[in-house]
Structures are given as C-alpha cells and as structure tokens.
C-alpha cells in the first residue's frame, strides 16, 4: 500500500524488495536456481537474484535460529498480528493506541513484524527507531511489559509454537535493563531463549 504521502522513500522501497525476495526464497526452500527456485518464481535470472541478495545482504537463517522456530517471515507475521490485536484491545495496554489513525496502527504492526523478524535472527531489516527512542516518554511500566508478555504467551500458544534448545533474541536498544530483571526472565521463559540487551 502506498504511504499517505503518495510515494515510497528509498529505505521503504528497499524494505519492500527485501521482504518480497525473502518470501519467494522461503517458499522455494531457499533454492535460488531450478524450475521451482526463487529466481524462476520471481521472473529473474539466477545471476540477477544473487546480485540483489548480495546488495541487500540477504542470507538464509540458520536452522536452529528463533526465526526458523517461529515459522519464518509468514509465521512471525501471523504471530505479530495476533499479538498486536490483543495488545490494542487490552484493557490496560490499549491506551497506547487510543486516538491513533488506522494508518498509524497498521504501520506500527508492520514495524513490529520487521523488528521481531530481525531480532529473532531472520533476514528482515528493521528500519524504525530503536526501542528506547520509540517508547521514550510513554511511561511504560513493568506491569505494562508483563501484560504484553502475557499476550505474547497466548499468541505463541494459539499457533502452537514450541520451545526448543535455548537460542538468542537480540533486543538492542530496547531500554530494558537490569532494573526489570523479572521481566527479562519472563520473556526468556516465553521464548525459551536467552535474551540479550544492548
């Protein structure tokens, strides 16, 4: 969907291309060449697709990554949309979206998908602000964070996301630190991973 301004910025257009290539690669099982490969599906030559993958720094996620465990781009998008819907409708968390336009809410949902994909070790590129800057001045409490974790737990349970061997979820610039260690531990428990905070 074209932004309200009527055009895409270069970074947004790059994000669209990246997401499109990743979607085709995942459907093709990350096979670039061949009749069922991503290049054939996209209508590109193998050389052209490899060139665009290199330019956009797209590489296949490791099999044991949290990104793969969550179902890749499609799985994360499905989980993120469910989580976002729960948060917006939540009696406590819903206040953060009160009065927001539909476009603004949809943009935040899209950024959440990209952020979770990138943080989980996927090939997505998050172009939004870091978490600390994005949530500055919103007076988010540990109770709010715990409520979000509860909604996340419900979303993961709904889509039967199972825990596996501990992995890593990188939440750089999240603004979460040792002051809310309990919240860290709850997030670790939900994902079955060891979160890292920068």
Protein backbone atom coordinates (compact mmCIF):
# COMPACT_ATOMS: atom_id res chain seq x y z
CA UNK A 1 0.00 0.00 0.00
CA UNK A 2 1.36 3.41 -0.99
CA UNK A 3 2.03 5.71 2.01
CA UNK A 4 -0.25 8.68 2.64
CA UNK A 5 2.43 10.99 1.23
CA UNK A 6 1.90 9.34 -2.18
CA UNK A 7 5.33 7.78 -2.67
CA UNK A 8 7.88 5.47 -1.09
CA UNK A 9 11.19 6.62 0.34
CA UNK A 10 14.26 4.72 -0.80
CA UNK A 11 14.50 2.83 2.51
CA UNK A 12 10.84 1.82 2.29
CA UNK A 13 11.17 0.64 -1.30
CA UNK A 14 14.25 -1.37 -0.32
CA UNK A 15 12.28 -2.93 2.53
CA UNK A 16 9.52 -3.95 0.11
CA UNK A 17 12.03 -5.56 -2.22
CA UNK A 18 13.77 -7.35 0.65
CA UNK A 19 10.51 -8.74 2.02
CA UNK A 20 9.41 -9.86 -1.44
CA UNK A 21 12.67 -11.69 -2.14
CA UNK A 22 12.68 -13.33 1.29
CA UNK A 23 9.08 -14.52 0.81
CA UNK A 24 9.95 -16.12 -2.54
CA UNK A 25 13.12 -17.69 -1.14
CA UNK A 26 11.26 -19.20 1.81
CA UNK A 27 8.53 -20.62 -0.44
CA UNK A 28 11.28 -22.11 -2.62
CA UNK A 29 13.04 -23.59 0.40
CA UNK A 30 15.88 -21.11 -0.16
CA UNK A 31 16.70 -22.69 -3.52
CA UNK A 32 17.74 -19.91 -5.88
CA UNK A 33 18.03 -21.87 -9.13
CA UNK A 34 15.89 -24.60 -10.73
CA UNK A 35 12.32 -24.77 -12.02
CA UNK A 36 10.92 -24.37 -8.50
CA UNK A 37 13.63 -21.99 -7.38
CA UNK A 38 13.12 -18.43 -6.21
CA UNK A 39 14.59 -16.89 -9.38
CA UNK A 40 12.08 -18.72 -11.57
CA UNK A 41 9.20 -17.77 -9.27
CA UNK A 42 10.24 -14.10 -9.31
CA UNK A 43 10.84 -13.93 -13.06
CA UNK A 44 14.51 -13.09 -12.55
CA UNK A 45 17.70 -14.65 -13.80
CA UNK A 46 19.68 -16.55 -11.20
CA UNK A 47 22.52 -14.05 -11.56
CA UNK A 48 20.16 -11.12 -11.00
CA UNK A 49 18.62 -12.65 -7.90
CA UNK A 50 22.02 -13.48 -6.42
CA UNK A 51 23.13 -9.92 -7.15
CA UNK A 52 20.10 -8.44 -5.37
CA UNK A 53 20.55 -10.81 -2.42
CA UNK A 54 24.15 -9.66 -2.08
CA UNK A 55 23.20 -5.98 -2.38
CA UNK A 56 20.51 -6.36 0.29
CA UNK A 57 22.65 -8.65 2.48
CA UNK A 58 20.04 -11.41 2.40
CA UNK A 59 21.25 -14.78 3.62
CA UNK A 60 19.50 -17.93 4.77
CA UNK A 61 18.82 -18.02 8.53
CA UNK A 62 20.47 -20.81 10.48
CA UNK A 63 18.18 -23.84 11.02
CA UNK A 64 18.34 -23.51 14.81
CA UNK A 65 17.50 -19.80 14.88
CA UNK A 66 14.47 -18.47 16.71
CA UNK A 67 13.34 -17.05 13.37
CA UNK A 68 13.00 -20.55 11.90
CA UNK A 69 11.36 -21.86 15.08
CA UNK A 70 8.70 -19.17 14.78
CA UNK A 71 7.89 -20.17 11.21
CA UNK A 72 9.94 -17.71 9.19
CA UNK A 73 8.50 -14.49 7.81
CA UNK A 74 4.96 -15.84 7.47
CA UNK A 75 4.90 -17.36 10.93
CA UNK A 76 6.25 -14.23 12.60
CA UNK A 77 3.83 -12.00 10.68
CA UNK A 78 0.91 -14.17 11.81
CA UNK A 79 2.06 -14.19 15.43
CA UNK A 80 2.82 -10.46 15.43
CA UNK A 81 -0.59 -9.54 14.02
CA UNK A 82 -2.33 -11.67 16.61
CA UNK A 83 -0.19 -10.17 19.39
CA UNK A 84 -0.81 -6.64 18.12
CA UNK A 85 -4.56 -7.23 18.01
CA UNK A 86 -4.51 -8.48 21.59
CA UNK A 87 -2.45 -5.50 22.78
CA UNK A 88 -4.66 -2.89 21.09
CA UNK A 89 -7.78 -4.50 22.61
CA UNK A 90 -6.18 -4.98 26.05
CA UNK A 91 -7.93 -3.00 28.83
CA UNK A 92 -4.58 -1.66 30.08
CA UNK A 93 -2.31 -1.66 27.03
CA UNK A 94 -4.97 -0.30 24.68
CA UNK A 95 -4.36 3.23 25.98
CA UNK A 96 -1.13 3.43 23.97
CA UNK A 97 -3.12 3.33 20.71
CA UNK A 98 -6.09 5.43 21.75
CA UNK A 99 -6.81 8.09 19.14
CA UNK A 100 -4.31 6.67 16.65
CA UNK A 101 -5.26 6.60 12.97
CA UNK A 102 -5.79 3.28 11.19
CA UNK A 103 -2.74 4.04 9.06
CA UNK A 104 -0.62 4.67 12.16
CA UNK A 105 -1.73 1.42 13.79
CA UNK A 106 -1.07 -0.60 10.63
CA UNK A 107 2.38 0.97 10.29
CA UNK A 108 3.24 0.03 13.87
CA UNK A 109 2.08 -3.53 13.20
CA UNK A 110 4.30 -3.68 10.13
CA UNK A 111 7.28 -2.38 12.10
CA UNK A 112 6.62 -4.96 14.83
CA UNK A 113 6.80 -7.75 12.24
CA UNK A 114 10.10 -6.43 10.89
CA UNK A 115 11.53 -5.90 14.38
CA UNK A 116 10.66 -9.37 15.62
CA UNK A 117 11.97 -10.95 12.41
CA UNK A 118 15.30 -9.14 12.68
CA UNK A 119 15.62 -9.71 16.44
CA UNK A 120 14.94 -13.42 16.01
CA UNK A 121 17.82 -13.83 13.57
CA UNK A 122 15.93 -13.54 10.30
CA UNK A 123 16.84 -11.70 7.09
CA UNK A 124 14.38 -8.85 7.63
CA UNK A 125 15.78 -5.34 8.02
CA UNK A 126 14.19 -3.18 10.71
CA UNK A 127 14.14 0.47 9.60
CA UNK A 128 12.25 2.00 12.52
CA UNK A 129 13.63 3.79 15.56
CA UNK A 130 15.38 1.82 18.30
CA UNK A 131 13.07 0.62 21.04
CA UNK A 132 14.32 3.06 23.65
CA UNK A 133 13.72 6.10 21.43
CA UNK A 134 10.41 4.80 20.09
CA UNK A 135 8.95 4.38 23.57
CA UNK A 136 10.52 7.37 25.31
CA UNK A 137 8.07 9.39 27.38
CA UNK A 138 5.31 6.76 27.19
CA UNK A 139 5.58 5.89 30.89
CA UNK A 140 5.66 2.14 30.22
CA UNK A 141 5.75 0.22 33.50
CA UNK A 142 6.86 -3.29 34.32
CA UNK A 143 3.15 -4.10 34.71
CA UNK A 144 2.60 -2.99 31.11
CA UNK A 145 5.52 -5.11 29.94
CA UNK A 146 4.24 -8.11 31.88
CA UNK A 147 0.80 -7.67 30.31
CA UNK A 148 2.44 -7.71 26.88
CA UNK A 149 4.34 -10.87 27.77
CA UNK A 150 1.06 -12.50 28.80
CA UNK A 151 -0.48 -11.59 25.44
CA UNK A 152 2.62 -12.90 23.68
CA UNK A 153 2.31 -16.17 25.57
CA UNK A 154 -1.29 -16.50 24.38
CA UNK A 155 -0.31 -15.80 20.77
CA UNK A 156 2.50 -18.34 20.82
CA UNK A 157 0.20 -20.90 22.42
CA UNK A 158 -2.52 -20.25 19.85
CA UNK A 159 -0.15 -21.06 17.00
CA UNK A 160 1.46 -23.94 18.89
CA UNK A 161 4.98 -22.52 18.92
CA UNK A 162 7.03 -24.96 20.94
CA UNK A 163 10.18 -24.21 22.89
CA UNK A 164 13.43 -25.70 21.71
CA UNK A 165 17.04 -25.59 22.83
CA UNK A 166 17.93 -22.11 24.12
CA UNK A 167 18.69 -19.63 21.39
CA UNK A 168 19.15 -15.89 21.46
CA UNK A 169 16.82 -12.97 20.96
CA UNK A 170 18.66 -9.69 20.47
CA UNK A 171 16.76 -6.66 21.74
CA UNK A 172 19.32 -3.98 21.03
CA UNK A 173 18.43 -0.52 22.25
CA UNK A 174 15.29 -1.79 23.95
CA UNK A 175 15.80 0.34 27.02
CA UNK A 176 15.21 -2.74 29.16
CA UNK A 177 17.96 -3.27 31.71
CA UNK A 178 18.79 -4.98 34.97
CA UNK A 179 16.23 -2.80 36.75
CA UNK A 180 13.48 -5.04 35.41
CA UNK A 181 15.23 -8.38 35.65
CA UNK A 182 11.96 -10.18 36.39
CA UNK A 183 10.54 -9.01 33.08
CA UNK A 184 13.65 -10.32 31.31
CA UNK A 185 13.20 -13.71 32.91
CA UNK A 186 9.55 -13.89 31.90
CA UNK A 187 10.42 -13.06 28.29
CA UNK A 188 13.18 -15.68 28.34
CA UNK A 189 10.70 -18.23 29.65
CA UNK A 190 8.11 -17.44 26.99
CA UNK A 191 10.52 -17.70 24.07
CA UNK A 192 12.70 -20.44 25.53
CA UNK A 193 15.72 -18.30 24.69
CA UNK A 194 18.35 -16.15 26.32
CA UNK A 195 17.61 -12.52 25.55
CA UNK A 196 20.49 -10.07 25.13
CA UNK A 197 20.13 -6.35 25.80
CA UNK A 198 22.43 -3.64 24.47
